PDB file of N, CA and C in Angstrom:
ATOM      1  N   UNK A   1       3.510  -3.575  11.575  1.00  0.00           N
ATOM      2  CA  UNK A   1       3.717  -3.870  10.172  1.00  0.00           C
ATOM      3  C   UNK A   1       2.679  -3.119   9.348  1.00  0.00           C
ATOM      4  N   UNK A   2       3.129  -2.491   8.283  1.00  0.00           N
ATOM      5  CA  UNK A   2       2.223  -1.842   7.336  1.00  0.00           C
ATOM      6  C   UNK A   2       1.945  -2.803   6.192  1.00  0.00           C
ATOM      7  N   UNK A   3       0.681  -2.873   5.805  1.00  0.00           N
ATOM      8  CA  UNK A   3       0.252  -3.776   4.749  1.00  0.00           C
ATOM      9  C   UNK A   3      -0.239  -2.946   3.572  1.00  0.00           C
ATOM     10  N   UNK A   4       0.274  -3.250   2.405  1.00  0.00           N
ATOM     11  CA  UNK A   4      -0.180  -2.603   1.184  1.00  0.00           C
ATOM     12  C   UNK A   4      -1.430  -3.344   0.722  1.00  0.00           C
ATOM     13  N   UNK A   5      -2.548  -2.613   0.591  1.00  0.00           N
ATOM     14  CA  UNK A   5      -3.806  -3.289   0.278  1.00  0.00           C
ATOM     15  C   UNK A   5      -4.723  -2.384  -0.543  1.00  0.00           C
ATOM     16  N   UNK A   6      -5.748  -3.011  -1.108  1.00  0.00           N
ATOM     17  CA  UNK A   6      -6.749  -2.301  -1.908  1.00  0.00           C
ATOM     18  C   UNK A   6      -8.022  -3.133  -1.933  1.00  0.00           C
ATOM     19  N   UNK A   7      -9.106  -2.489  -2.289  1.00  0.00           N
ATOM     20  CA  UNK A   7     -10.383  -3.194  -2.443  1.00  0.00           C
ATOM     21  C   UNK A   7     -10.305  -4.107  -3.664  1.00  0.00           C
ATOM     22  N   UNK A   8     -10.897  -5.289  -3.581  1.00  0.00           N
ATOM     23  CA  UNK A   8     -10.901  -6.195  -4.730  1.00  0.00           C
ATOM     24  C   UNK A   8     -11.462  -5.540  -5.997  1.00  0.00           C
ATOM     25  N   UNK A   9     -12.475  -4.680  -5.849  1.00  0.00           N
ATOM     26  CA  UNK A   9     -13.064  -4.001  -7.003  1.00  0.00           C
ATOM     27  C   UNK A   9     -12.037  -3.115  -7.702  1.00  0.00           C
ATOM     28  N   UNK A  10     -11.215  -2.413  -6.917  1.00  0.00           N
ATOM     29  CA  UNK A  10     -10.176  -1.568  -7.510  1.00  0.00           C
ATOM     30  C   UNK A  10      -9.182  -2.440  -8.276  1.00  0.00           C
ATOM     31  N   UNK A  11      -8.756  -3.544  -7.669  1.00  0.00           N
ATOM     32  CA  UNK A  11      -7.764  -4.420  -8.293  1.00  0.00           C
ATOM     33  C   UNK A  11      -8.309  -5.096  -9.545  1.00  0.00           C
ATOM     34  N   UNK A  12      -9.594  -5.417  -9.567  1.00  0.00           N
ATOM     35  CA  UNK A  12     -10.200  -5.995 -10.764  1.00  0.00           C
ATOM     36  C   UNK A  12     -10.240  -4.961 -11.888  1.00  0.00           C
ATOM     37  N   UNK A  13     -10.484  -3.721 -11.532  1.00  0.00           N
ATOM     38  CA  UNK A  13     -10.576  -2.632 -12.507  1.00  0.00           C
ATOM     39  C   UNK A  13      -9.211  -2.205 -13.038  1.00  0.00           C
ATOM     40  N   UNK A  14      -8.192  -2.156 -12.143  1.00  0.00           N
ATOM     41  CA  UNK A  14      -6.886  -1.593 -12.498  1.00  0.00           C
ATOM     42  C   UNK A  14      -5.756  -2.613 -12.581  1.00  0.00           C
ATOM     43  N   UNK A  15      -6.012  -3.848 -12.146  1.00  0.00           N
ATOM     44  CA  UNK A  15      -4.985  -4.884 -12.191  1.00  0.00           C
ATOM     45  C   UNK A  15      -4.276  -5.035 -10.848  1.00  0.00           C
ATOM     46  N   UNK A  16      -3.640  -6.194 -10.671  1.00  0.00           N
ATOM     47  CA  UNK A  16      -2.956  -6.527  -9.426  1.00  0.00           C
ATOM     48  C   UNK A  16      -1.439  -6.447  -9.630  1.00  0.00           C
ATOM     49  N   UNK A  17      -0.798  -5.440  -9.052  1.00  0.00           N
ATOM     50  CA  UNK A  17       0.656  -5.338  -9.198  1.00  0.00           C
ATOM     51  C   UNK A  17       1.349  -6.527  -8.543  1.00  0.00           C
ATOM     52  N   UNK A  18       2.394  -7.010  -9.178  1.00  0.00           N
ATOM     53  CA  UNK A  18       3.146  -8.149  -8.646  1.00  0.00           C
ATOM     54  C   UNK A  18       4.529  -7.743  -8.153  1.00  0.00           C
ATOM     55  N   UNK A  19       4.917  -6.508  -8.462  1.00  0.00           N
ATOM     56  CA  UNK A  19       6.229  -5.997  -8.044  1.00  0.00           C
ATOM     57  C   UNK A  19       6.067  -4.505  -7.764  1.00  0.00           C
ATOM     58  N   UNK A  20       6.823  -3.959  -6.807  1.00  0.00           N
ATOM     59  CA  UNK A  20       6.704  -2.524  -6.510  1.00  0.00           C
ATOM     60  C   UNK A  20       6.850  -1.619  -7.733  1.00  0.00           C
ATOM     61  N   UNK A  21       7.614  -2.043  -8.725  1.00  0.00           N
ATOM     62  CA  UNK A  21       7.776  -1.225  -9.928  1.00  0.00           C
ATOM     63  C   UNK A  21       6.453  -1.058 -10.683  1.00  0.00           C
ATOM     64  N   UNK A  22       5.506  -1.977 -10.488  1.00  0.00           N
ATOM     65  CA  UNK A  22       4.214  -1.898 -11.161  1.00  0.00           C
ATOM     66  C   UNK A  22       3.233  -0.951 -10.476  1.00  0.00           C
ATOM     67  N   UNK A  23       3.604  -0.398  -9.337  1.00  0.00           N
ATOM     68  CA  UNK A  23       2.730   0.538  -8.632  1.00  0.00           C
ATOM     69  C   UNK A  23       2.633   1.879  -9.350  1.00  0.00           C
ATOM     70  N   UNK A  24       3.563   2.161 -10.244  1.00  0.00           N
ATOM     71  CA  UNK A  24       3.598   3.454 -10.933  1.00  0.00           C
ATOM     72  C   UNK A  24       2.297   3.765 -11.668  1.00  0.00           C
ATOM     73  N   UNK A  25       1.614   2.763 -12.157  1.00  0.00           N
ATOM     74  CA  UNK A  25       0.380   2.999 -12.896  1.00  0.00           C
ATOM     75  C   UNK A  25      -0.868   2.957 -12.039  1.00  0.00           C
ATOM     76  N   UNK A  26      -0.717   2.979 -10.726  1.00  0.00           N
ATOM     77  CA  UNK A  26      -1.864   2.852  -9.821  1.00  0.00           C
ATOM     78  C   UNK A  26      -2.093   4.114  -9.012  1.00  0.00           C
ATOM     79  N   UNK A  27      -3.338   4.268  -8.555  1.00  0.00           N
ATOM     80  CA  UNK A  27      -3.702   5.381  -7.675  1.00  0.00           C
ATOM     81  C   UNK A  27      -3.259   5.057  -6.262  1.00  0.00           C
ATOM     82  N   UNK A  28      -2.643   6.029  -5.605  1.00  0.00           N
ATOM     83  CA  UNK A  28      -2.095   5.826  -4.256  1.00  0.00           C
ATOM     84  C   UNK A  28      -2.877   6.625  -3.217  1.00  0.00           C
ATOM     85  N   UNK A  29      -3.022   6.033  -2.048  1.00  0.00           N
ATOM     86  CA  UNK A  29      -3.621   6.679  -0.883  1.00  0.00           C
ATOM     87  C   UNK A  29      -2.517   6.728   0.162  1.00  0.00           C
ATOM     88  N   UNK A  30      -1.930   7.914   0.365  1.00  0.00           N
ATOM     89  CA  UNK A  30      -0.690   8.014   1.142  1.00  0.00           C
ATOM     90  C   UNK A  30      -0.707   9.136   2.157  1.00  0.00           C
ATOM     91  N   UNK A  31       0.218   9.055   3.121  1.00  0.00           N
ATOM     92  CA  UNK A  31       0.402  10.188   4.034  1.00  0.00           C
ATOM     93  C   UNK A  31       0.949  11.389   3.267  1.00  0.00           C
ATOM     94  N   UNK A  32       0.869  12.595   3.855  1.00  0.00           N
ATOM     95  CA  UNK A  32       1.418  13.783   3.200  1.00  0.00           C
ATOM     96  C   UNK A  32       2.912  13.633   2.926  1.00  0.00           C
ATOM     97  N   UNK A  33       3.421  14.329   1.905  1.00  0.00           N
ATOM     98  CA  UNK A  33       4.851  14.246   1.570  1.00  0.00           C
ATOM     99  C   UNK A  33       5.778  14.561   2.743  1.00  0.00           C
ATOM    100  N   UNK A  34       5.354  15.429   3.651  1.00  0.00           N
ATOM    101  CA  UNK A  34       6.206  15.757   4.796  1.00  0.00           C
ATOM    102  C   UNK A  34       6.442  14.545   5.692  1.00  0.00           C
ATOM    103  N   UNK A  35       5.490  13.615   5.715  1.00  0.00           N
ATOM    104  CA  UNK A  35       5.633  12.384   6.507  1.00  0.00           C
ATOM    105  C   UNK A  35       6.335  11.312   5.682  1.00  0.00           C
ATOM    106  N   UNK A  36       6.066  11.284   4.398  1.00  0.00           N
ATOM    107  CA  UNK A  36       6.553  10.243   3.497  1.00  0.00           C
ATOM    108  C   UNK A  36       7.788  10.724   2.737  1.00  0.00           C
ATOM    109  N   UNK A  37       8.842  10.971   3.443  1.00  0.00           N
ATOM    110  CA  UNK A  37      10.066  11.452   2.810  1.00  0.00           C
ATOM    111  C   UNK A  37      10.866  10.278   2.271  1.00  0.00           C
ATOM    112  N   UNK A  38      11.320  10.389   1.043  1.00  0.00           N
ATOM    113  CA  UNK A  38      12.166   9.352   0.457  1.00  0.00           C
ATOM    114  C   UNK A  38      11.435   8.187  -0.153  1.00  0.00           C
ATOM    115  N   UNK A  39      10.136   8.297  -0.360  1.00  0.00           N
ATOM    116  CA  UNK A  39       9.387   7.233  -1.005  1.00  0.00           C
ATOM    117  C   UNK A  39       9.024   6.103  -0.053  1.00  0.00           C
ATOM    118  N   UNK A  40       8.561   5.019  -0.634  1.00  0.00           N
ATOM    119  CA  UNK A  40       8.131   3.843   0.123  1.00  0.00           C
ATOM    120  C   UNK A  40       9.118   2.726  -0.151  1.00  0.00           C
ATOM    121  N   UNK A  41       9.644   2.115   0.904  1.00  0.00           N
ATOM    122  CA  UNK A  41      10.603   1.018   0.751  1.00  0.00           C
ATOM    123  C   UNK A  41       9.908  -0.318   0.950  1.00  0.00           C
ATOM    124  N   UNK A  42      10.138  -1.225  -0.002  1.00  0.00           N
ATOM    125  CA  UNK A  42       9.651  -2.597   0.100  1.00  0.00           C
ATOM    126  C   UNK A  42      10.864  -3.491   0.279  1.00  0.00           C
ATOM    127  N   UNK A  43      10.822  -4.357   1.284  1.00  0.00           N
ATOM    128  CA  UNK A  43      11.924  -5.282   1.534  1.00  0.00           C
ATOM    129  C   UNK A  43      11.459  -6.706   1.331  1.00  0.00           C
ATOM    130  N   UNK A  44      12.329  -7.499   0.716  1.00  0.00           N
ATOM    131  CA  UNK A  44      12.027  -8.919   0.534  1.00  0.00           C
ATOM    132  C   UNK A  44      13.086  -9.719   1.274  1.00  0.00           C
ATOM    133  N   UNK A  45      12.657 -10.451   2.278  1.00  0.00           N
ATOM    134  CA  UNK A  45      13.538 -11.357   3.004  1.00  0.00           C
ATOM    135  C   UNK A  45      14.663 -10.672   3.756  1.00  0.00           C
ATOM    136  N   UNK A  46      15.296 -11.443   4.615  1.00  0.00           N
ATOM    137  CA  UNK A  46      16.419 -10.975   5.419  1.00  0.00           C
ATOM    138  C   UNK A  46      17.495 -12.046   5.387  1.00  0.00           C
ATOM    139  N   UNK A  47      18.751 -11.629   5.165  1.00  0.00           N
ATOM    140  CA  UNK A  47      19.842 -12.606   5.153  1.00  0.00           C
ATOM    141  C   UNK A  47      20.282 -12.919   6.580  1.00  0.00           C
ATOM    142  N   UNK A  48      21.291 -13.749   6.738  1.00  0.00           N
ATOM    143  CA  UNK A  48      21.739 -14.192   8.064  1.00  0.00           C
ATOM    144  C   UNK A  48      22.289 -13.047   8.907  1.00  0.00           C
ATOM    145  N   UNK A  49      22.691 -11.958   8.288  1.00  0.00           N
ATOM    146  CA  UNK A  49      23.210 -10.795   9.027  1.00  0.00           C
ATOM    147  C   UNK A  49      22.106  -9.811   9.404  1.00  0.00           C
ATOM    148  N   UNK A  50      20.872 -10.101   8.984  1.00  0.00           N
ATOM    149  CA  UNK A  50      19.767  -9.211   9.283  1.00  0.00           C
ATOM    150  C   UNK A  50      19.569  -8.109   8.261  1.00  0.00           C
ATOM    151  N   UNK A  51      20.252  -8.189   7.123  1.00  0.00           N
ATOM    152  CA  UNK A  51      20.107  -7.201   6.061  1.00  0.00           C
ATOM    153  C   UNK A  51      19.040  -7.656   5.062  1.00  0.00           C
ATOM    154  N   UNK A  52      18.338  -6.689   4.501  1.00  0.00           N
ATOM    155  CA  UNK A  52      17.313  -7.007   3.501  1.00  0.00           C
ATOM    156  C   UNK A  52      17.967  -7.609   2.271  1.00  0.00           C
ATOM    157  N   UNK A  53      17.395  -8.709   1.773  1.00  0.00           N
ATOM    158  CA  UNK A  53      17.912  -9.352   0.564  1.00  0.00           C
ATOM    159  C   UNK A  53      17.650  -8.497  -0.670  1.00  0.00           C
ATOM    160  N   UNK A  54      16.506  -7.847  -0.703  1.00  0.00           N
ATOM    161  CA  UNK A  54      16.165  -6.968  -1.821  1.00  0.00           C
ATOM    162  C   UNK A  54      15.346  -5.818  -1.252  1.00  0.00           C
ATOM    163  N   UNK A  55      15.723  -4.597  -1.587  1.00  0.00           N
ATOM    164  CA  UNK A  55      14.953  -3.425  -1.203  1.00  0.00           C
ATOM    165  C   UNK A  55      14.641  -2.629  -2.459  1.00  0.00           C
ATOM    166  N   UNK A  56      13.364  -2.318  -2.626  1.00  0.00           N
ATOM    167  CA  UNK A  56      12.918  -1.524  -3.765  1.00  0.00           C
ATOM    168  C   UNK A  56      12.235  -0.291  -3.198  1.00  0.00           C
ATOM    169  N   UNK A  57      12.620   0.882  -3.690  1.00  0.00           N
ATOM    170  CA  UNK A  57      12.001   2.132  -3.256  1.00  0.00           C
ATOM    171  C   UNK A  57      11.061   2.614  -4.361  1.00  0.00           C
ATOM    172  N   UNK A  58       9.840   2.903  -3.970  1.00  0.00           N
ATOM    173  CA  UNK A  58       8.821   3.376  -4.912  1.00  0.00           C
ATOM    174  C   UNK A  58       8.529   4.847  -4.617  1.00  0.00           C
ATOM    175  N   UNK A  59       8.619   5.687  -5.622  1.00  0.00           N
ATOM    176  CA  UNK A  59       8.253   7.098  -5.529  1.00  0.00           C
ATOM    177  C   UNK A  59       6.863   7.252  -6.146  1.00  0.00           C
ATOM    178  N   UNK A  60       5.817   7.406  -5.323  1.00  0.00           N
ATOM    179  CA  UNK A  60       4.455   7.497  -5.855  1.00  0.00           C
ATOM    180  C   UNK A  60       4.282   8.677  -6.808  1.00  0.00           C
ATOM    181  N   UNK A  61       3.508   8.438  -7.880  1.00  0.00           N
ATOM    182  CA  UNK A  61       3.273   9.488  -8.866  1.00  0.00           C
ATOM    183  C   UNK A  61       1.811   9.901  -8.939  1.00  0.00           C
ATOM    184  N   UNK A  62       0.905   8.983  -8.719  1.00  0.00           N
ATOM    185  CA  UNK A  62      -0.530   9.279  -8.851  1.00  0.00           C
ATOM    186  C   UNK A  62      -1.208   9.181  -7.491  1.00  0.00           C
ATOM    187  N   UNK A  63      -0.971  10.180  -6.645  1.00  0.00           N
ATOM    188  CA  UNK A  63      -1.586  10.188  -5.326  1.00  0.00           C
ATOM    189  C   UNK A  63      -2.963  10.828  -5.429  1.00  0.00           C
ATOM    190  N   UNK A  64      -4.007  10.035  -5.188  1.00  0.00           N
ATOM    191  CA  UNK A  64      -5.367  10.551  -5.273  1.00  0.00           C
ATOM    192  C   UNK A  64      -5.857  11.069  -3.924  1.00  0.00           C
ATOM    193  N   UNK A  65      -5.177  10.657  -2.854  1.00  0.00           N
ATOM    194  CA  UNK A  65      -5.520  11.130  -1.514  1.00  0.00           C
ATOM    195  C   UNK A  65      -4.249  11.179  -0.687  1.00  0.00           C
ATOM    196  N   UNK A  66      -4.040  12.298  -0.020  1.00  0.00           N
ATOM    197  CA  UNK A  66      -2.878  12.450   0.842  1.00  0.00           C
ATOM    198  C   UNK A  66      -3.343  12.993   2.180  1.00  0.00           C
ATOM    199  N   UNK A  67      -3.326  12.131   3.198  1.00  0.00           N
ATOM    200  CA  UNK A  67      -3.782  12.528   4.524  1.00  0.00           C
ATOM    201  C   UNK A  67      -3.036  11.732   5.590  1.00  0.00           C
ATOM    202  N   UNK A  68      -2.866  12.340   6.755  1.00  0.00           N
ATOM    203  CA  UNK A  68      -2.252  11.651   7.887  1.00  0.00           C
ATOM    204  C   UNK A  68      -3.317  10.947   8.730  1.00  0.00           C
ATOM    205  N   UNK A  69      -4.574  11.068   8.345  1.00  0.00           N
ATOM    206  CA  UNK A  69      -5.678  10.489   9.100  1.00  0.00           C
ATOM    207  C   UNK A  69      -5.937   9.059   8.621  1.00  0.00           C
ATOM    208  N   UNK A  70      -5.594   8.070   9.457  1.00  0.00           N
ATOM    209  CA  UNK A  70      -5.715   6.657   9.069  1.00  0.00           C
ATOM    210  C   UNK A  70      -7.140   6.250   8.724  1.00  0.00           C
ATOM    211  N   UNK A  71      -8.125   6.766   9.472  1.00  0.00           N
ATOM    212  CA  UNK A  71      -9.508   6.385   9.198  1.00  0.00           C
ATOM    213  C   UNK A  71      -9.958   6.839   7.814  1.00  0.00           C
ATOM    214  N   UNK A  72      -9.473   7.995   7.377  1.00  0.00           N
ATOM    215  CA  UNK A  72      -9.819   8.497   6.049  1.00  0.00           C
ATOM    216  C   UNK A  72      -9.173   7.629   4.973  1.00  0.00           C
ATOM    217  N   UNK A  73      -7.898   7.282   5.165  1.00  0.00           N
ATOM    218  CA  UNK A  73      -7.207   6.416   4.213  1.00  0.00           C
ATOM    219  C   UNK A  73      -7.884   5.047   4.148  1.00  0.00           C
ATOM    220  N   UNK A  74      -8.236   4.520   5.304  1.00  0.00           N
ATOM    221  CA  UNK A  74      -8.913   3.225   5.396  1.00  0.00           C
ATOM    222  C   UNK A  74     -10.247   3.260   4.641  1.00  0.00           C
ATOM    223  N   UNK A  75     -11.044   4.299   4.862  1.00  0.00           N
ATOM    224  CA  UNK A  75     -12.340   4.426   4.191  1.00  0.00           C
ATOM    225  C   UNK A  75     -12.162   4.554   2.679  1.00  0.00           C
ATOM    226  N   UNK A  76     -11.149   5.298   2.248  1.00  0.00           N
ATOM    227  CA  UNK A  76     -10.890   5.470   0.819  1.00  0.00           C
ATOM    228  C   UNK A  76     -10.478   4.146   0.178  1.00  0.00           C
ATOM    229  N   UNK A  77      -9.679   3.366   0.881  1.00  0.00           N
ATOM    230  CA  UNK A  77      -9.278   2.050   0.365  1.00  0.00           C
ATOM    231  C   UNK A  77     -10.503   1.145   0.236  1.00  0.00           C
ATOM    232  N   UNK A  78     -11.353   1.130   1.253  1.00  0.00           N
ATOM    233  CA  UNK A  78     -12.576   0.318   1.200  1.00  0.00           C
ATOM    234  C   UNK A  78     -13.502   0.756   0.064  1.00  0.00           C
ATOM    235  N   UNK A  79     -13.486   2.053  -0.260  1.00  0.00           N
ATOM    236  CA  UNK A  79     -14.332   2.584  -1.325  1.00  0.00           C
ATOM    237  C   UNK A  79     -13.751   2.340  -2.716  1.00  0.00           C
ATOM    238  N   UNK A  80     -12.557   1.724  -2.778  1.00  0.00           N
ATOM    239  CA  UNK A  80     -11.975   1.393  -4.070  1.00  0.00           C
ATOM    240  C   UNK A  80     -11.262   2.540  -4.758  1.00  0.00           C
ATOM    241  N   UNK A  81     -10.789   3.513  -3.978  1.00  0.00           N
ATOM    242  CA  UNK A  81     -10.127   4.680  -4.566  1.00  0.00           C
ATOM    243  C   UNK A  81      -8.678   4.446  -4.949  1.00  0.00           C
ATOM    244  N   UNK A  82      -8.037   3.393  -4.408  1.00  0.00           N
ATOM    245  CA  UNK A  82      -6.641   3.153  -4.744  1.00  0.00           C
ATOM    246  C   UNK A  82      -5.974   2.189  -3.789  1.00  0.00           C
ATOM    247  N   UNK A  83      -4.639   2.153  -3.867  1.00  0.00           N
ATOM    248  CA  UNK A  83      -3.829   1.259  -3.046  1.00  0.00           C
ATOM    249  C   UNK A  83      -3.296   2.046  -1.851  1.00  0.00           C
ATOM    250  N   UNK A  84      -3.446   1.470  -0.671  1.00  0.00           N
ATOM    251  CA  UNK A  84      -3.040   2.137   0.564  1.00  0.00           C
ATOM    252  C   UNK A  84      -2.061   1.277   1.341  1.00  0.00           C
ATOM    253  N   UNK A  85      -1.266   1.915   2.151  1.00  0.00           N
ATOM    254  CA  UNK A  85      -0.425   1.234   3.124  1.00  0.00           C
ATOM    255  C   UNK A  85      -0.984   1.528   4.496  1.00  0.00           C
ATOM    256  N   UNK A  86      -1.512   0.516   5.156  1.00  0.00           N
ATOM    257  CA  UNK A  86      -2.162   0.705   6.449  1.00  0.00           C
ATOM    258  C   UNK A  86      -1.609  -0.268   7.480  1.00  0.00           C
ATOM    259  N   UNK A  87      -1.626   0.122   8.768  1.00  0.00           N
ATOM    260  CA  UNK A  87      -1.133  -0.778   9.813  1.00  0.00           C
ATOM    261  C   UNK A  87      -1.947  -2.071   9.852  1.00  0.00           C
ATOM    262  N   UNK A  88      -1.276  -3.155  10.156  1.00  0.00           N
ATOM    263  CA  UNK A  88      -1.936  -4.465  10.168  1.00  0.00           C
ATOM    264  C   UNK A  88      -3.112  -4.505  11.138  1.00  0.00           C
ATOM    265  N   UNK A  89      -3.008  -3.812  12.274  1.00  0.00           N
ATOM    266  CA  UNK A  89      -4.107  -3.848  13.240  1.00  0.00           C
ATOM    267  C   UNK A  89      -5.350  -3.120  12.722  1.00  0.00           C
ATOM    268  N   UNK A  90      -5.199  -2.246  11.762  1.00  0.00           N
ATOM    269  CA  UNK A  90      -6.338  -1.529  11.185  1.00  0.00           C
ATOM    270  C   UNK A  90      -7.054  -2.408  10.158  1.00  0.00           C
ATOM    271  N   UNK A  91      -6.298  -3.162   9.368  1.00  0.00           N
ATOM    272  CA  UNK A  91      -6.899  -3.900   8.245  1.00  0.00           C
ATOM    273  C   UNK A  91      -7.073  -5.396   8.477  1.00  0.00           C
ATOM    274  N   UNK A  92      -6.681  -5.909   9.615  1.00  0.00           N
ATOM    275  CA  UNK A  92      -6.717  -7.358   9.852  1.00  0.00           C
ATOM    276  C   UNK A  92      -8.091  -7.962   9.579  1.00  0.00           C
ATOM    277  N   UNK A  93      -9.141  -7.381  10.133  1.00  0.00           N
ATOM    278  CA  UNK A  93     -10.487  -7.939   9.954  1.00  0.00           C
ATOM    279  C   UNK A  93     -10.965  -7.833   8.513  1.00  0.00           C
ATOM    280  N   UNK A  94     -10.690  -6.706   7.868  1.00  0.00           N
ATOM    281  CA  UNK A  94     -11.165  -6.541   6.492  1.00  0.00           C
ATOM    282  C   UNK A  94     -10.420  -7.449   5.526  1.00  0.00           C
ATOM    283  N   UNK A  95      -9.177  -7.797   5.840  1.00  0.00           N
ATOM    284  CA  UNK A  95      -8.463  -8.774   5.017  1.00  0.00           C
ATOM    285  C   UNK A  95      -9.098 -10.152   5.161  1.00  0.00           C
ATOM    286  N   UNK A  96      -9.454 -10.527   6.377  1.00  0.00           N
ATOM    287  CA  UNK A  96     -10.106 -11.823   6.604  1.00  0.00           C
ATOM    288  C   UNK A  96     -11.480 -11.885   5.934  1.00  0.00           C
ATOM    289  N   UNK A  97     -12.184 -10.747   5.910  1.00  0.00           N
ATOM    290  CA  UNK A  97     -13.517 -10.682   5.300  1.00  0.00           C
ATOM    291  C   UNK A  97     -13.459 -10.455   3.787  1.00  0.00           C
ATOM    292  N   UNK A  98     -12.257 -10.271   3.246  1.00  0.00           N
ATOM    293  CA  UNK A  98     -12.024 -10.038   1.816  1.00  0.00           C
ATOM    294  C   UNK A  98     -12.598  -8.708   1.328  1.00  0.00           C
ATOM    295  N   UNK A  99     -12.806  -7.755   2.254  1.00  0.00           N
ATOM    296  CA  UNK A  99     -13.214  -6.416   1.856  1.00  0.00           C
ATOM    297  C   UNK A  99     -12.014  -5.637   1.324  1.00  0.00           C
ATOM    298  N   UNK A 100     -10.817  -5.998   1.799  1.00  0.00           N
ATOM    299  CA  UNK A 100      -9.549  -5.510   1.257  1.00  0.00           C
ATOM    300  C   UNK A 100      -8.695  -6.704   0.925  1.00  0.00           C
ATOM    301  N   UNK A 101      -7.789  -6.511  -0.014  1.00  0.00           N
ATOM    302  CA  UNK A 101      -6.896  -7.577  -0.456  1.00  0.00           C
ATOM    303  C   UNK A 101      -5.449  -7.096  -0.321  1.00  0.00           C
ATOM    304  N   UNK A 102      -4.588  -7.968   0.178  1.00  0.00           N
ATOM    305  CA  UNK A 102      -3.170  -7.626   0.282  1.00  0.00           C
ATOM    306  C   UNK A 102      -2.568  -7.505  -1.119  1.00  0.00           C
ATOM    307  N   UNK A 103      -1.794  -6.458  -1.315  1.00  0.00           N
ATOM    308  CA  UNK A 103      -1.108  -6.223  -2.584  1.00  0.00           C
ATOM    309  C   UNK A 103       0.388  -6.408  -2.344  1.00  0.00           C
ATOM    310  N   UNK A 104       1.044  -7.134  -3.212  1.00  0.00           N
ATOM    311  CA  UNK A 104       2.470  -7.434  -3.102  1.00  0.00           C
ATOM    312  C   UNK A 104       2.727  -8.303  -1.892  1.00  0.00           C
TER     313      UNK A 104
END
């Protein structure tokens, strides 16, 4: 599972998005465009047939860092550079320690 997260300092400075549509005004820390084809899909819930109840696709506009290196993205998120999507196993401890905060 990928978790959308950011440093609390970044969120205090730039605000906490409540819907994927609000990500447009935020700085993004993302993989290169060649890896991230078609934007980022957010799904809410699953119906009885296993289909997503709501899917929203976000096309990032303000990418401040684009790298395939997870450690670099992780460090940038901790430094308050923007909102990142990172694997749960990478951010689990920092979420518990409140060094990063889950977004959306």
